[in-house]
Amino acid sequence: MNRKVSGGLRSPTVRALALAVAVLPAMLLVAGCSGPDSDGLPQAGAAAETRTQSATTTTEDASASLDSDERVLADYKAYWDVVVDVYADGDFRSTKLREHATGVQLDFVRNDVLDNATRRRVARGRPKLFGAEVTSRDEGKATVEDCIDSNQWLFHDARTGKLVDTPSGKQYRLTAKLRLEDQRWQVADVEYKEAQCGS
């Protein structure tokens, strides 16, 4: 199942990647896995706990040359950290999101987060991303291939905390397009394809 995800899947992960490939206001997806579909990628679990465990960019990666794969991957990972936080808070106006997403993906995530906020839904937990690698980088544009499993990143009722989502049991291979803007690699688009890409 090949799907361009600049919009959303039902779960935060799929929607985020989809709108990370147009995600979060339109939502998230994954790469290199058998993953998220319209039924819901992100499975929301324990937001506070997973946030502290988020894969934040290391000082070394953040200080790497803009013209390096290490920096592309560091900024790509930082994008996901921000997306997880935005979905957990329902903050579609997040200034941090604007620092890590651009174009279609920024619009998608904002719209998806807003849509879920009006439905009083937030995402808990965290998507599992594994196997990220830069497959191209040239003149301010880069492509990252990755795999996503969002079965532990699910939507919950913002008031009661009750789980209102169902794990899809899938993984997705994702292709993220990034652009160099404001001295940072920002995610501009994300495409997902269902695949069994890891454990």
Protein backbone atom coordinates (compact mmCIF):
# COMPACT_ATOMS: atom_id res chain seq x y z
CA MET A 1 0.00 0.00 0.00
CA ASN A 2 1.73 3.10 -1.22
CA ARG A 3 0.37 6.28 0.20
CA LYS A 4 1.58 9.84 0.13
CA VAL A 5 1.14 11.07 3.58
CA SER A 6 1.08 14.75 3.65
CA GLY A 7 -1.97 14.51 5.55
CA GLY A 8 -3.08 12.05 7.92
CA LEU A 9 -3.73 8.70 9.08
CA ARG A 10 -6.04 8.17 11.90
CA SER A 11 -3.41 7.74 14.60
CA PRO A 12 -1.09 10.53 15.61
CA THR A 13 1.89 8.69 14.18
CA VAL A 14 0.46 8.06 10.81
CA ARG A 15 -1.08 11.46 10.74
CA ALA A 16 1.99 13.13 11.99
CA LEU A 17 4.16 11.46 9.44
CA ALA A 18 1.57 11.90 6.82
CA LEU A 19 1.51 15.53 7.59
CA ALA A 20 4.99 15.40 8.62
CA VAL A 21 4.53 14.56 5.24
CA ALA A 22 1.96 17.23 5.64
CA VAL A 23 1.45 16.20 9.21
CA LEU A 24 0.15 17.19 12.57
CA PRO A 25 -2.50 19.61 11.61
CA ALA A 26 -2.95 17.07 8.99
CA MET A 27 -0.89 14.43 10.91
CA LEU A 28 1.91 11.90 11.02
CA LEU A 29 3.34 8.89 9.22
CA VAL A 30 6.30 6.60 9.07
CA ALA A 31 9.01 5.22 6.93
CA GLY A 32 10.47 1.83 6.33
CA CYS A 33 7.95 -0.12 8.31
CA SER A 34 4.66 -1.83 7.95
CA GLY A 35 2.81 0.98 9.51
CA PRO A 36 0.23 3.62 9.96
CA ASP A 37 -2.81 3.89 7.89
CA SER A 38 -5.97 5.92 8.11
CA ASP A 39 -6.97 3.82 11.06
CA GLY A 40 -4.55 5.45 13.37
CA LEU A 41 -0.85 5.48 13.64
CA PRO A 42 -0.17 7.27 16.80
CA GLN A 43 -1.16 5.51 19.85
CA ALA A 44 -1.33 7.70 22.83
CA GLY A 45 -0.07 6.30 26.05
CA ALA A 46 1.81 8.18 28.71
CA ALA A 47 2.73 11.55 27.34
CA ALA A 48 4.67 12.88 30.27
CA GLU A 49 6.86 9.82 30.58
CA THR A 50 7.62 9.49 26.91
CA ARG A 51 8.47 13.14 26.59
CA THR A 52 11.31 12.85 29.02
CA GLN A 53 12.55 9.86 27.06
CA SER A 54 12.34 11.62 23.70
CA ALA A 55 15.28 11.32 21.37
CA THR A 56 16.45 14.88 21.56
CA THR A 57 19.21 16.18 19.35
CA THR A 58 22.61 15.85 20.96
CA THR A 59 24.87 18.86 21.27
CA GLU A 60 27.34 17.23 18.89
CA ASP A 61 24.69 16.60 16.22
CA ALA A 62 23.21 20.07 16.60
CA SER A 63 26.61 21.64 16.11
CA ALA A 64 27.45 19.51 13.08
CA SER A 65 27.91 21.33 9.81
CA LEU A 66 24.66 22.19 8.04
CA ASP A 67 26.18 20.49 5.02
CA SER A 68 26.37 17.06 6.68
CA ASP A 69 24.18 13.98 6.97
CA GLU A 70 24.61 14.11 10.75
CA ARG A 71 22.96 17.51 10.91
CA VAL A 72 20.12 16.45 8.57
CA LEU A 73 19.37 13.46 10.82
CA ALA A 74 19.63 15.55 14.00
CA ASP A 75 17.10 18.07 12.68
CA TYR A 76 14.86 15.28 11.39
CA LYS A 77 14.83 13.66 14.86
CA ALA A 78 14.17 17.05 16.47
CA TYR A 79 11.14 17.41 14.19
CA TRP A 80 9.66 14.21 15.60
CA ASP A 81 10.31 15.28 19.18
CA VAL A 82 8.37 18.48 18.53
CA VAL A 83 5.54 16.65 16.74
CA VAL A 84 5.09 14.29 19.69
CA ASP A 85 4.92 17.24 22.08
CA VAL A 86 2.48 19.18 19.88
CA TYR A 87 0.11 16.22 19.61
CA ALA A 88 0.34 15.61 23.37
CA ASP A 89 -0.48 19.26 24.14
CA GLY A 90 -2.90 19.93 21.28
CA ASP A 91 -0.85 23.08 20.58
CA PHE A 92 -1.41 23.69 16.87
CA ARG A 93 0.09 27.20 17.23
CA SER A 94 3.42 25.86 18.48
CA THR A 95 6.32 28.13 17.47
CA LYS A 96 8.68 25.15 17.83
CA LEU A 97 6.71 23.28 15.19
CA ARG A 98 7.28 26.18 12.79
CA GLU A 99 11.01 25.87 13.45
CA HIS A 100 11.06 22.19 12.40
CA ALA A 101 8.34 21.87 9.75
CA THR A 102 7.57 23.89 6.65
CA GLY A 103 5.25 23.97 3.68
CA VAL A 104 2.70 21.21 3.26
CA GLN A 105 3.88 19.29 6.29
CA LEU A 106 3.59 22.27 8.61
CA ASP A 107 0.05 22.94 7.40
CA PHE A 108 -0.88 19.30 7.70
CA VAL A 109 0.28 18.90 11.27
CA ARG A 110 -1.29 22.15 12.40
CA ASN A 111 -4.62 21.24 10.84
CA ASP A 112 -4.55 17.72 12.22
CA VAL A 113 -3.69 18.85 15.72
CA LEU A 114 -6.41 21.50 15.58
CA ASP A 115 -8.93 18.94 14.34
CA ASN A 116 -8.08 16.59 17.20
CA ALA A 117 -8.12 19.43 19.73
CA THR A 118 -11.67 20.34 18.72
CA ARG A 119 -12.55 16.67 19.26
CA ARG A 120 -10.77 16.84 22.64
CA ARG A 121 -8.20 14.23 21.66
CA VAL A 122 -4.48 14.19 22.42
CA ALA A 123 -1.81 11.65 21.54
CA ARG A 124 0.00 9.75 24.26
CA GLY A 125 3.06 7.59 23.98
CA ARG A 126 5.62 7.85 21.23
CA PRO A 127 6.17 6.43 17.75
CA LYS A 128 9.09 4.09 17.30
CA LEU A 129 11.34 5.34 14.51
CA PHE A 130 14.24 3.18 13.38
CA GLY A 131 16.66 2.97 10.51
CA ALA A 132 16.76 6.64 9.52
CA GLU A 133 19.32 7.41 6.84
CA VAL A 134 19.96 10.29 4.49
CA THR A 135 19.55 9.03 0.92
CA SER A 136 20.18 12.34 -0.85
CA ARG A 137 21.35 15.85 -0.01
CA ASP A 138 21.91 18.60 -2.53
CA GLU A 139 21.53 22.39 -2.68
CA GLY A 140 19.37 22.90 0.38
CA LYS A 141 17.26 19.77 -0.09
CA ALA A 142 17.59 16.37 1.57
CA THR A 143 15.72 13.07 1.69
CA VAL A 144 15.55 10.79 4.72
CA GLU A 145 14.29 7.19 4.55
CA ASP A 146 13.01 5.75 7.81
CA CYS A 147 10.63 3.23 9.34
CA ILE A 148 7.85 4.00 11.79
CA ASP A 149 5.79 1.94 14.19
CA SER A 150 3.12 4.03 15.91
CA ASN A 151 1.33 1.28 17.78
CA GLN A 152 2.40 2.83 21.09
CA TRP A 153 1.42 6.36 20.03
CA LEU A 154 -2.34 6.60 20.37
CA PHE A 155 -5.11 9.13 20.86
CA HIS A 156 -6.70 9.61 24.25
CA ASP A 157 -9.59 11.71 25.48
CA ALA A 158 -8.04 15.00 26.64
CA ARG A 159 -10.43 15.27 29.60
CA THR A 160 -10.65 11.73 30.91
CA GLY A 161 -7.40 10.26 29.61
CA LYS A 162 -9.35 7.31 28.22
CA LEU A 163 -7.86 5.57 25.19
CA VAL A 164 -9.97 6.33 22.11
CA ASP A 165 -7.70 4.75 19.50
CA THR A 166 -6.75 1.27 18.37
CA PRO A 167 -3.25 0.09 17.41
CA SER A 168 -3.10 -0.80 13.71
CA GLY A 169 -0.40 -3.43 14.24
CA LYS A 170 1.36 -2.07 11.15
CA GLN A 171 4.68 -0.49 10.33
CA TYR A 172 5.46 1.95 7.56
CA ARG A 173 8.46 2.90 5.51
CA LEU A 174 8.57 6.64 5.16
CA THR A 175 10.32 9.09 2.92
CA ALA A 176 10.75 12.57 4.36
CA LYS A 177 11.72 15.55 2.22
CA LEU A 178 13.58 18.28 4.08
CA ARG A 179 14.54 21.81 3.11
CA LEU A 180 17.24 23.99 4.60
CA GLU A 181 15.51 27.08 5.97
CA ASP A 182 16.62 29.51 8.68
CA GLN A 183 19.81 27.51 9.32
CA ARG A 184 17.86 24.32 10.06
CA TRP A 185 16.73 21.28 8.07
CA GLN A 186 12.93 21.40 8.18
CA VAL A 187 10.54 18.60 7.21
CA ALA A 188 8.51 19.74 4.18
CA ASP A 189 6.77 16.53 3.12
CA VAL A 190 6.40 12.90 4.15
CA GLU A 191 5.27 9.84 2.22
CA TYR A 192 4.39 6.43 3.73
CA LYS A 193 4.28 2.92 2.42
CA GLU A 194 3.14 -0.05 4.49
CA ALA A 195 6.03 -2.44 5.04
CA GLN A 196 7.47 -4.83 7.57
CA CYS A 197 10.67 -2.95 8.26
CA GLY A 198 11.91 -3.94 11.65
CA SER A 199 11.25 -5.22 15.13
